[in-house]
Amino acid sequence: MSASVHDAAAGPDCAADGPPAPANGSSTRAGVGLVVAVLLVAFNLRLAITSLGALLDELRDLGVSPATQGLLTSLPVLCFAVVGATAMAVTRWIGVDRGLVGALGLLTVGLVLRAVDGTPALIAGTAVACAGIALANVLVPAIVKEHFPHRVGVMTGAYTTVLSFGSAIGAAATVPIANAAGTWRVGLGVWALTALAAALAWAPYCRRSDPRRADVRRISLWRSPTAWAVTVLFGAQSLYAYVMMSWLPSVYAGAGFSDETAGLLLATSITIGLPFFFLAPTLAVRLRQQGHLVLVLTLLTMLGWAGLWLAPAGGAWLWAALLGAGGAVFPVTLSFFAMRTTSTAETASLSAMAQSIGYLIAAGGPLLVGILHDASGSWRLPCALLVGIGAVQIGAGYVAGRPVRISASRL
């Protein structure tokens, strides 16, 4: 039940050029339709979170308690941790492709449910939607490894860019939609339509059975230092991401901006990050050591939070830009799932490990930030904490970025 790592030259998983080739002898279906389906899935993987974050202040005015708000901001990462840990056990019997359709079904149902009247429905719907996202989070990197083995960097960049674009749409459009409709329920519920569209687009690519890729539960990575470094890196960048999506509009609102402008600043941050999300993993697969890339991107994030700590209003747009660019650590980390492994099964196993434990690390972030804000009466202390977390992210990045491959035992 052991795992080891060893140095390896850049192999096909690290190549950004050349036509897609079969992984593990399987036939590749990396056509235009498959690419579009993957990107539609990606578009929906953060909408449920940023759309809710954009409406948190309005929900407070409607009587949703601070405790409930804190729970709502922590639910995504909690669901990602718990459901991510069971994702491979579930998909072992139904296959990875069919598992993704099930994930999109959960997401659609959850988005409809949380628009129903009442706080319990809001909490339950958010949990169900995030459970669907958690499953998809784990499965998409394995699908990229399987169908795009020679395009890992490009496809990781493409789907995380679209994911980020979806985040921006949720942050920018939810409040105007809710205002136009006269109710926050429409602002939240409308995104069920895009989740349904993604499910329909992916459905043709389901396999009735896929025993080889479903066997990922039998892979053990628990004794691999590289796997743990990737996991810590994923947890640190996830903490940054979910604090930003949950609380950044409130930070800007506390600096004197209107709710709509605060949502626009979050959307601007996400949008500015789009080219970085595409370019960073494309660059990462061409580098022998990715630690320096993680360092540069993390420094941008630290500068952004330092700016919000010291001058949140004066440099609001600059801080938003820095946070958006620094967030490209996310696709770089996702590219490690394929770059540090040798098979689709190992990629899925590393994805499950890093996301379940990583999101558990990140789960306390939004809640802790909210507690520190309430205790101190300002956003200065939370921002100072977030600057310090950058040191952890940089250290993990240098270990995860070493040019090695994980060799995992089977249970």
Protein backbone atom coordinates (compact mmCIF):
# COMPACT_ATOMS: atom_id res chain seq x y z
CA MET A 1 0.00 0.00 0.00
CA SER A 2 2.94 2.27 -0.59
CA ALA A 3 3.64 4.88 -3.21
CA SER A 4 6.88 6.34 -4.44
CA VAL A 5 8.06 9.08 -6.74
CA HIS A 6 10.93 9.11 -9.16
CA ASP A 7 12.53 11.56 -11.56
CA ALA A 8 11.26 11.30 -15.11
CA ALA A 9 11.90 13.16 -18.31
CA ALA A 10 9.06 15.19 -19.78
CA GLY A 11 6.77 12.65 -21.40
CA PRO A 12 3.65 12.86 -23.51
CA ASP A 13 1.59 14.18 -20.65
CA CYS A 14 3.79 17.24 -20.61
CA ALA A 15 3.71 17.88 -24.33
CA ALA A 16 1.59 20.76 -25.48
CA ASP A 17 1.92 20.11 -29.21
CA GLY A 18 0.91 17.30 -31.50
CA PRO A 19 -2.40 15.58 -32.19
CA PRO A 20 -4.35 13.92 -29.40
CA ALA A 21 -3.29 10.33 -28.93
CA PRO A 22 -4.96 7.39 -27.21
CA ALA A 23 -4.24 6.96 -23.49
CA ASN A 24 -3.63 3.42 -22.28
CA GLY A 25 -4.65 2.00 -25.65
CA SER A 26 -8.16 3.46 -25.64
CA SER A 27 -9.74 5.13 -28.63
CA THR A 28 -9.74 8.91 -28.51
CA ARG A 29 -12.90 10.86 -29.17
CA ALA A 30 -11.38 14.31 -28.87
CA GLY A 31 -13.58 15.86 -31.54
CA VAL A 32 -15.10 19.32 -31.58
CA GLY A 33 -18.29 18.11 -29.92
CA LEU A 34 -16.34 16.63 -27.03
CA VAL A 35 -14.35 19.83 -26.56
CA VAL A 36 -17.55 21.89 -26.56
CA ALA A 37 -19.17 19.53 -24.05
CA VAL A 38 -16.19 19.75 -21.66
CA LEU A 39 -16.20 23.54 -21.91
CA LEU A 40 -19.94 23.73 -21.25
CA VAL A 41 -19.43 21.62 -18.14
CA ALA A 42 -16.63 23.92 -17.03
CA PHE A 43 -18.81 27.00 -17.51
CA ASN A 44 -21.12 25.74 -14.76
CA LEU A 45 -18.56 24.71 -12.15
CA ARG A 46 -18.47 28.00 -10.21
CA LEU A 47 -21.69 29.77 -11.20
CA ALA A 48 -23.54 28.38 -8.21
CA ILE A 49 -20.97 29.92 -5.87
CA THR A 50 -20.35 33.37 -7.33
CA SER A 51 -24.05 33.96 -7.99
CA LEU A 52 -24.77 33.32 -4.31
CA GLY A 53 -21.84 35.46 -3.18
CA ALA A 54 -23.15 38.38 -5.22
CA LEU A 55 -26.46 38.24 -3.33
CA LEU A 56 -25.19 37.69 0.23
CA ASP A 57 -25.70 41.30 1.32
CA GLU A 58 -29.22 41.37 -0.13
CA LEU A 59 -30.06 38.09 1.61
CA ARG A 60 -28.86 39.60 4.90
CA ASP A 61 -31.23 42.52 4.38
CA LEU A 62 -34.03 39.99 3.81
CA GLY A 63 -33.40 38.36 7.19
CA VAL A 64 -30.84 35.65 6.48
CA SER A 65 -28.72 35.53 9.64
CA PRO A 66 -24.92 36.00 9.70
CA ALA A 67 -24.59 32.41 10.91
CA THR A 68 -26.56 31.17 7.91
CA GLN A 69 -24.46 33.35 5.62
CA GLY A 70 -21.32 31.83 7.09
CA LEU A 71 -22.73 28.35 6.54
CA LEU A 72 -23.62 29.17 2.93
CA THR A 73 -20.11 30.42 2.22
CA SER A 74 -18.53 27.32 3.76
CA LEU A 75 -20.90 24.76 2.20
CA PRO A 76 -19.16 24.69 -1.20
CA VAL A 77 -15.76 23.66 0.09
CA LEU A 78 -17.27 21.33 2.70
CA CYS A 79 -19.26 19.56 -0.01
CA PHE A 80 -16.22 19.46 -2.27
CA ALA A 81 -14.20 17.80 0.50
CA VAL A 82 -16.81 15.23 1.56
CA VAL A 83 -18.22 14.37 -1.85
CA GLY A 84 -14.81 14.52 -3.50
CA ALA A 85 -13.61 11.82 -1.10
CA THR A 86 -16.39 9.48 -2.25
CA ALA A 87 -16.38 10.40 -5.94
CA MET A 88 -14.22 7.49 -7.06
CA ALA A 89 -16.18 4.96 -5.03
CA VAL A 90 -19.38 6.15 -6.69
CA THR A 91 -18.05 6.24 -10.23
CA ARG A 92 -16.40 2.82 -9.84
CA TRP A 93 -19.76 1.25 -10.66
CA ILE A 94 -21.20 3.73 -13.15
CA GLY A 95 -18.11 4.93 -15.03
CA VAL A 96 -16.47 8.34 -15.16
CA ASP A 97 -18.45 9.64 -18.14
CA ARG A 98 -21.81 8.61 -16.70
CA GLY A 99 -20.74 9.95 -13.34
CA LEU A 100 -20.31 13.38 -14.92
CA VAL A 101 -23.88 13.35 -16.21
CA GLY A 102 -25.05 12.45 -12.71
CA ALA A 103 -23.01 15.34 -11.33
CA LEU A 104 -24.65 17.77 -13.73
CA GLY A 105 -28.06 16.39 -12.78
CA LEU A 106 -27.38 17.09 -9.11
CA LEU A 107 -26.20 20.59 -9.98
CA THR A 108 -29.38 21.34 -11.94
CA VAL A 109 -31.68 20.05 -9.20
CA GLY A 110 -29.79 21.97 -6.52
CA LEU A 111 -29.96 25.26 -8.44
CA VAL A 112 -33.73 24.87 -8.79
CA LEU A 113 -34.18 23.87 -5.14
CA ARG A 114 -32.30 26.81 -3.67
CA ALA A 115 -34.60 29.24 -5.48
CA VAL A 116 -37.58 27.85 -3.55
CA ASP A 117 -38.88 30.02 -0.70
CA GLY A 118 -37.29 29.55 2.70
CA THR A 119 -33.86 29.32 4.28
CA PRO A 120 -33.90 25.48 4.55
CA ALA A 121 -34.43 25.20 0.79
CA LEU A 122 -31.65 27.72 0.17
CA ILE A 123 -29.22 25.69 2.31
CA ALA A 124 -30.32 22.30 0.94
CA GLY A 125 -30.23 23.48 -2.66
CA THR A 126 -26.76 24.93 -2.22
CA ALA A 127 -25.55 21.63 -0.72
CA VAL A 128 -27.01 19.54 -3.56
CA ALA A 129 -25.64 21.86 -6.24
CA CYS A 130 -22.19 21.83 -4.65
CA ALA A 131 -22.28 18.03 -4.40
CA GLY A 132 -22.74 17.93 -8.16
CA ILE A 133 -19.87 20.35 -8.67
CA ALA A 134 -17.66 18.27 -6.36
CA LEU A 135 -18.16 15.17 -8.48
CA ALA A 136 -17.46 17.08 -11.67
CA ASN A 137 -14.35 18.69 -10.15
CA VAL A 138 -12.78 15.27 -9.64
CA LEU A 139 -13.87 13.74 -12.94
CA VAL A 140 -12.99 16.46 -15.46
CA PRO A 141 -9.17 16.22 -14.99
CA ALA A 142 -9.39 12.45 -15.58
CA ILE A 143 -11.45 13.04 -18.72
CA VAL A 144 -8.84 15.51 -19.97
CA LYS A 145 -6.05 12.98 -19.29
CA GLU A 146 -7.99 10.27 -21.12
CA HIS A 147 -9.10 12.17 -24.21
CA PHE A 148 -6.41 14.85 -24.54
CA PRO A 149 -3.16 13.23 -23.34
CA HIS A 150 -1.02 15.39 -25.65
CA ARG A 151 -3.02 18.53 -24.93
CA VAL A 152 -3.14 18.52 -21.15
CA GLY A 153 -1.84 22.08 -20.80
CA VAL A 154 -4.03 23.54 -23.53
CA MET A 155 -7.22 21.76 -22.44
CA THR A 156 -6.61 22.50 -18.76
CA GLY A 157 -6.09 26.14 -19.66
CA ALA A 158 -9.17 26.17 -21.88
CA TYR A 159 -11.58 24.60 -19.42
CA THR A 160 -10.33 26.59 -16.42
CA THR A 161 -10.58 29.78 -18.48
CA VAL A 162 -14.20 28.98 -19.32
CA LEU A 163 -14.78 28.01 -15.68
CA SER A 164 -13.45 31.41 -14.64
CA PHE A 165 -15.57 33.13 -17.27
CA GLY A 166 -18.64 31.40 -15.84
CA SER A 167 -17.63 32.64 -12.40
CA ALA A 168 -17.47 36.19 -13.74
CA ILE A 169 -20.88 35.90 -15.38
CA GLY A 170 -22.39 34.67 -12.12
CA ALA A 171 -20.84 37.53 -10.15
CA ALA A 172 -21.74 40.28 -12.62
CA ALA A 173 -25.14 39.19 -13.90
CA THR A 174 -26.93 37.73 -10.86
CA VAL A 175 -27.79 41.02 -9.13
CA PRO A 176 -29.03 42.75 -12.33
CA ILE A 177 -31.15 39.68 -13.18
CA ALA A 178 -32.58 39.59 -9.67
CA ASN A 179 -33.32 43.33 -9.78
CA ALA A 180 -34.97 43.07 -13.18
CA ALA A 181 -37.13 40.17 -12.04
CA GLY A 182 -37.90 41.76 -8.70
CA THR A 183 -36.77 38.74 -6.68
CA TRP A 184 -33.48 37.12 -5.70
CA ARG A 185 -34.98 33.69 -6.48
CA VAL A 186 -34.86 34.31 -10.21
CA GLY A 187 -31.31 35.62 -9.89
CA LEU A 188 -30.25 32.29 -8.37
CA GLY A 189 -32.58 29.90 -10.18
CA VAL A 190 -31.89 31.04 -13.73
CA TRP A 191 -28.52 29.29 -13.74
CA ALA A 192 -30.24 25.90 -13.64
CA LEU A 193 -30.81 26.38 -17.38
CA THR A 194 -27.09 26.49 -18.15
CA ALA A 195 -26.46 23.39 -16.00
CA LEU A 196 -29.19 21.54 -17.90
CA ALA A 197 -27.64 22.58 -21.21
CA ALA A 198 -24.28 21.16 -20.10
CA ALA A 199 -25.89 17.86 -19.09
CA LEU A 200 -27.56 17.53 -22.48
CA ALA A 201 -24.31 18.35 -24.28
CA TRP A 202 -22.35 15.74 -22.32
CA ALA A 203 -24.98 12.96 -22.46
CA PRO A 204 -23.93 11.64 -25.93
CA TYR A 205 -20.44 10.91 -24.63
CA CYS A 206 -21.49 8.55 -21.85
CA ARG A 207 -20.25 4.98 -21.92
CA ARG A 208 -22.37 2.08 -20.73
CA SER A 209 -19.39 0.55 -18.98
CA ASP A 210 -15.83 1.65 -18.43
CA PRO A 211 -14.19 -0.83 -16.03
CA ARG A 212 -10.61 0.35 -16.56
CA ARG A 213 -11.21 3.97 -15.67
CA ALA A 214 -13.77 3.06 -13.00
CA ASP A 215 -11.06 1.16 -11.12
CA VAL A 216 -9.46 4.35 -9.81
CA ARG A 217 -10.50 3.55 -6.26
CA ARG A 218 -7.77 0.92 -6.15
CA ILE A 219 -4.97 3.46 -6.51
CA SER A 220 -3.11 4.55 -3.34
CA LEU A 221 -1.09 7.77 -3.23
CA TRP A 222 -1.03 8.33 0.52
CA ARG A 223 2.74 7.88 0.96
CA SER A 224 3.78 10.08 -1.93
CA PRO A 225 5.40 13.41 -0.90
CA THR A 226 4.55 14.85 -4.29
CA ALA A 227 0.90 13.90 -3.94
CA TRP A 228 0.77 15.58 -0.54
CA ALA A 229 2.48 18.70 -1.89
CA VAL A 230 -0.07 18.90 -4.70
CA THR A 231 -2.81 18.46 -2.10
CA VAL A 232 -1.54 21.28 0.14
CA LEU A 233 -1.07 23.52 -2.89
CA PHE A 234 -4.61 22.77 -3.99
CA GLY A 235 -5.91 23.53 -0.49
CA ALA A 236 -4.11 26.88 -0.27
CA GLN A 237 -5.23 28.14 -3.66
CA SER A 238 -8.76 26.88 -2.98
CA LEU A 239 -8.86 28.82 0.28
CA TYR A 240 -7.91 31.96 -1.63
CA ALA A 241 -10.47 31.30 -4.35
CA TYR A 242 -13.44 30.64 -2.09
CA VAL A 243 -12.69 33.49 0.27
CA MET A 244 -12.57 35.75 -2.78
CA MET A 245 -15.78 34.42 -4.32
CA SER A 246 -17.62 34.51 -1.00
CA TRP A 247 -16.35 37.71 0.60
CA LEU A 248 -14.64 39.96 -1.95
CA PRO A 249 -17.91 41.80 -2.82
CA SER A 250 -18.45 42.39 0.90
CA VAL A 251 -14.88 43.68 1.31
CA TYR A 252 -15.54 46.22 -1.43
CA ALA A 253 -18.97 47.04 0.00
CA GLY A 254 -17.25 47.75 3.32
CA ALA A 255 -14.94 50.14 1.49
CA GLY A 256 -17.95 52.15 0.33
CA PHE A 257 -18.86 50.62 -3.02
CA SER A 258 -22.45 49.74 -3.95
CA ASP A 259 -23.50 46.08 -4.16
CA GLU A 260 -23.58 46.22 -7.96
CA THR A 261 -20.13 47.81 -8.16
CA ALA A 262 -18.76 45.31 -5.64
CA GLY A 263 -20.11 42.46 -7.78
CA LEU A 264 -18.61 44.12 -10.86
CA LEU A 265 -15.21 44.31 -9.13
CA LEU A 266 -15.35 40.58 -8.42
CA ALA A 267 -16.35 39.95 -12.02
CA THR A 268 -13.49 42.19 -13.19
CA SER A 269 -11.03 40.24 -11.07
CA ILE A 270 -12.22 36.97 -12.55
CA THR A 271 -12.27 38.33 -16.10
CA ILE A 272 -8.75 39.75 -15.91
CA GLY A 273 -7.60 36.32 -14.79
CA LEU A 274 -8.94 34.65 -17.97
CA PRO A 275 -5.83 34.98 -20.16
CA PHE A 276 -3.64 33.97 -17.20
CA PHE A 277 -5.80 30.90 -16.63
CA PHE A 278 -5.23 29.83 -20.23
CA LEU A 279 -1.55 30.70 -20.49
CA ALA A 280 -0.30 29.50 -17.09
CA PRO A 281 -0.88 25.73 -17.53
CA THR A 282 0.24 25.95 -21.16
CA LEU A 283 3.50 27.41 -19.88
CA ALA A 284 3.67 24.98 -16.97
CA VAL A 285 3.81 21.88 -19.19
CA ARG A 286 6.80 23.39 -21.03
CA LEU A 287 8.79 24.00 -17.84
CA ARG A 288 10.91 21.38 -16.12
CA GLN A 289 10.34 22.95 -12.67
CA GLN A 290 7.05 24.76 -12.07
CA GLY A 291 7.90 26.11 -8.61
CA HIS A 292 9.05 29.49 -9.95
CA LEU A 293 5.75 29.91 -11.80
CA VAL A 294 3.79 29.22 -8.61
CA LEU A 295 6.00 31.75 -6.79
CA VAL A 296 5.31 34.57 -9.26
CA LEU A 297 1.56 33.97 -9.32
CA THR A 298 1.36 33.70 -5.53
CA LEU A 299 3.20 37.00 -5.10
CA LEU A 300 0.53 38.66 -7.25
CA THR A 301 -2.16 37.25 -4.95
CA MET A 302 -0.31 38.42 -1.84
CA LEU A 303 0.02 41.92 -3.27
CA GLY A 304 -3.70 41.99 -4.00
CA TRP A 305 -4.69 41.10 -0.46
CA ALA A 306 -2.07 43.46 0.96
CA GLY A 307 -3.64 46.25 -1.09
CA LEU A 308 -7.11 45.43 0.24
CA TRP A 309 -5.61 45.44 3.74
CA LEU A 310 -3.96 48.86 3.42
CA ALA A 311 -5.95 50.82 0.81
CA PRO A 312 -9.11 48.94 -0.28
CA ALA A 313 -10.82 51.91 -1.93
CA GLY A 314 -7.87 53.79 -3.40
CA GLY A 315 -6.54 50.89 -5.47
CA ALA A 316 -9.71 48.80 -5.77
CA TRP A 317 -9.37 48.01 -9.47
CA LEU A 318 -5.64 47.25 -9.20
CA TRP A 319 -6.18 44.84 -6.32
CA ALA A 320 -8.94 43.13 -8.30
CA ALA A 321 -6.56 42.73 -11.24
CA LEU A 322 -3.76 41.29 -9.11
CA LEU A 323 -6.07 38.77 -7.44
CA GLY A 324 -7.41 37.72 -10.83
CA ALA A 325 -3.95 37.13 -12.29
CA GLY A 326 -2.65 35.38 -9.18
CA GLY A 327 -5.57 32.98 -9.24
CA ALA A 328 -3.92 31.21 -12.20
CA VAL A 329 -2.25 28.96 -9.61
CA PHE A 330 -5.54 27.01 -9.87
CA PRO A 331 -5.09 25.71 -13.45
CA VAL A 332 -1.39 25.12 -12.82
CA THR A 333 -2.33 22.89 -9.89
CA LEU A 334 -4.91 21.06 -11.98
CA SER A 335 -2.28 20.42 -14.65
CA PHE A 336 -0.16 18.69 -11.97
CA PHE A 337 -2.84 15.97 -11.73
CA ALA A 338 -1.85 14.78 -15.22
CA MET A 339 1.80 15.90 -15.25
CA ARG A 340 2.74 14.09 -12.03
CA THR A 341 0.97 10.80 -12.95
CA THR A 342 1.35 8.14 -15.64
CA SER A 343 -2.20 6.89 -16.21
CA THR A 344 -5.79 8.06 -16.25
CA ALA A 345 -6.54 6.04 -13.13
CA GLU A 346 -3.67 7.69 -11.24
CA THR A 347 -4.79 11.11 -12.47
CA ALA A 348 -8.30 10.51 -11.14
CA SER A 349 -6.92 9.20 -7.84
CA LEU A 350 -4.63 12.22 -7.37
CA SER A 351 -7.53 14.50 -8.32
CA ALA A 352 -9.74 12.85 -5.70
CA MET A 353 -7.06 13.00 -2.99
CA ALA A 354 -6.02 16.58 -3.67
CA GLN A 355 -9.55 17.90 -3.99
CA SER A 356 -11.10 16.08 -1.03
CA ILE A 357 -8.30 16.93 1.40
CA GLY A 358 -7.48 20.25 -0.25
CA TYR A 359 -11.03 21.48 -0.02
CA LEU A 360 -11.16 20.29 3.59
CA ILE A 361 -8.13 22.52 4.22
CA ALA A 362 -9.91 25.37 2.48
CA ALA A 363 -13.29 24.77 4.11
CA GLY A 364 -12.55 26.88 7.14
CA GLY A 365 -11.32 29.82 5.09
CA PRO A 366 -14.58 31.65 4.34
CA LEU A 367 -15.92 30.90 7.83
CA LEU A 368 -12.71 32.07 9.54
CA VAL A 369 -12.65 35.25 7.47
CA GLY A 370 -16.23 35.97 8.46
CA ILE A 371 -15.47 35.36 12.15
CA LEU A 372 -12.38 37.59 12.06
CA HIS A 373 -14.36 40.33 10.34
CA ASP A 374 -17.15 40.19 12.92
CA ALA A 375 -14.66 40.12 15.81
CA SER A 376 -12.49 42.99 14.57
CA GLY A 377 -15.17 45.08 12.88
CA SER A 378 -13.08 45.50 9.71
CA TRP A 379 -11.50 43.56 6.88
CA ARG A 380 -7.91 44.43 7.82
CA LEU A 381 -7.21 41.38 9.99
CA PRO A 382 -8.65 38.86 7.50
CA CYS A 383 -6.63 40.44 4.67
CA ALA A 384 -3.43 40.26 6.74
CA LEU A 385 -4.05 36.54 7.35
CA LEU A 386 -4.56 35.95 3.64
CA VAL A 387 -1.24 37.63 2.85
CA GLY A 388 0.53 35.22 5.21
CA ILE A 389 -1.06 32.11 3.66
CA GLY A 390 0.92 32.87 0.51
CA ALA A 391 4.08 31.52 2.15
CA VAL A 392 2.44 28.09 2.54
CA GLN A 393 1.32 28.12 -1.08
CA ILE A 394 4.83 28.99 -2.33
CA GLY A 395 6.46 26.20 -0.31
CA ALA A 396 3.99 23.58 -1.53
CA GLY A 397 4.40 24.84 -5.08
CA TYR A 398 8.14 24.19 -5.10
CA VAL A 399 7.69 20.60 -3.91
CA ALA A 400 4.76 19.88 -6.24
CA GLY A 401 6.61 21.50 -9.14
CA ARG A 402 9.57 19.09 -9.10
CA PRO A 403 10.00 17.09 -12.36
CA VAL A 404 8.94 13.73 -10.95
CA ARG A 405 6.18 11.20 -11.58
CA ILE A 406 4.17 9.47 -8.88
CA SER A 407 4.42 5.68 -8.89
CA ALA A 408 1.41 4.38 -6.98
CA SER A 409 0.63 0.94 -5.62
CA ARG A 410 -2.74 -0.71 -6.09
CA LEU A 411 -4.72 -1.70 -3.04
